[in-house]
Amino acid sequence: MRIRRILAAGIATAALAGLGLTGAATATATSLTPSQGGRTALTPGECEKGGGTVDWSKPTAGAPGTCRGGTGNGQPVD
């Protein structure tokens, strides 16, 4: 019984890949990433993980904060 379920899952995955639905799901997830002023807005955790700090006193491009320092220096933070 377990083998049948695994086989069915494998066939379903192959069928979806053949239809291009796996790429469509990835494209949808990518297009829903928040963007401010043409640049992707970082989360506070992403800013801090890159070695920066979030400056909430200086909004950038409509975002409530700005990442100062690190790899995301100057990027908007949502």
Protein backbone atom coordinates (compact mmCIF):
# COMPACT_ATOMS: atom_id res chain seq x y z
CA MET A 1 0.00 0.00 0.00
CA ARG A 2 2.81 2.40 0.89
CA ILE A 3 4.59 1.66 -2.39
CA ARG A 4 1.45 2.55 -4.35
CA ARG A 5 1.21 5.94 -2.63
CA ILE A 6 4.86 6.71 -3.26
CA LEU A 7 4.51 5.67 -6.89
CA ALA A 8 1.36 7.78 -7.29
CA ALA A 9 3.13 10.81 -5.78
CA GLY A 10 6.07 10.33 -8.15
CA ILE A 11 3.79 10.10 -11.17
CA ALA A 12 1.83 13.17 -10.10
CA THR A 13 5.06 15.16 -9.65
CA ALA A 14 6.30 14.12 -13.09
CA ALA A 15 2.95 15.05 -14.65
CA LEU A 16 3.00 18.50 -13.04
CA ALA A 17 6.58 19.05 -14.14
CA GLY A 18 5.60 18.06 -17.68
CA LEU A 19 2.86 20.66 -17.69
CA GLY A 20 5.20 23.33 -16.38
CA LEU A 21 3.16 23.91 -13.23
CA THR A 22 6.14 23.68 -10.90
CA GLY A 23 7.79 26.62 -12.68
CA ALA A 24 4.53 28.57 -12.55
CA ALA A 25 4.38 28.16 -8.78
CA THR A 26 7.95 29.45 -8.46
CA ALA A 27 7.23 32.43 -10.69
CA THR A 28 4.16 33.32 -8.65
CA ALA A 29 6.10 33.20 -5.39
CA THR A 30 8.85 35.38 -6.85
CA SER A 31 6.44 37.96 -8.22
CA LEU A 32 4.80 38.38 -4.81
CA THR A 33 8.03 39.54 -3.15
CA PRO A 34 7.52 43.11 -1.92
CA SER A 35 9.37 45.70 -3.96
CA GLN A 36 9.89 49.34 -3.13
CA GLY A 37 11.23 51.75 -5.74
CA GLY A 38 12.42 48.97 -8.03
CA ARG A 39 14.41 47.27 -5.27
CA THR A 40 13.28 44.38 -3.16
CA ALA A 41 12.36 45.41 0.37
CA LEU A 42 14.13 43.48 3.10
CA THR A 43 12.60 42.14 6.26
CA PRO A 44 14.15 43.35 9.52
CA GLY A 45 15.63 39.88 10.03
CA GLU A 46 17.26 39.86 6.59
CA CYS A 47 18.85 43.24 7.27
CA GLU A 48 20.25 42.12 10.62
CA LYS A 49 21.37 38.75 9.25
CA GLY A 50 23.41 40.62 6.62
CA GLY A 51 25.22 42.54 9.36
CA GLY A 52 23.16 45.73 9.29
CA THR A 53 20.75 47.47 11.60
CA VAL A 54 17.28 48.80 10.84
CA ASP A 55 16.91 52.58 10.97
CA TRP A 56 13.19 53.26 11.50
CA SER A 57 13.70 57.05 11.68
CA LYS A 58 14.55 57.43 7.96
CA PRO A 59 11.98 55.87 5.60
CA THR A 60 13.18 55.03 2.07
CA ALA A 61 11.06 54.78 -1.10
CA GLY A 62 7.79 54.40 0.80
CA ALA A 63 9.08 51.73 3.19
CA PRO A 64 8.92 52.45 6.92
CA GLY A 65 12.63 51.77 7.50
CA THR A 66 16.08 51.59 5.95
CA CYS A 67 18.83 49.01 6.39
CA ARG A 68 22.08 50.66 7.54
CA GLY A 69 25.35 48.77 7.07
CA GLY A 70 25.97 45.19 6.07
CA THR A 71 25.06 43.62 2.74
CA GLY A 72 21.69 45.41 2.52
CA ASN A 73 22.99 48.92 3.16
CA GLY A 74 20.51 51.54 1.93
CA GLN A 75 17.76 49.08 1.00
CA PRO A 76 14.19 49.65 2.20
CA VAL A 77 12.92 47.54 5.10
CA ASP A 78 9.27 46.50 5.47
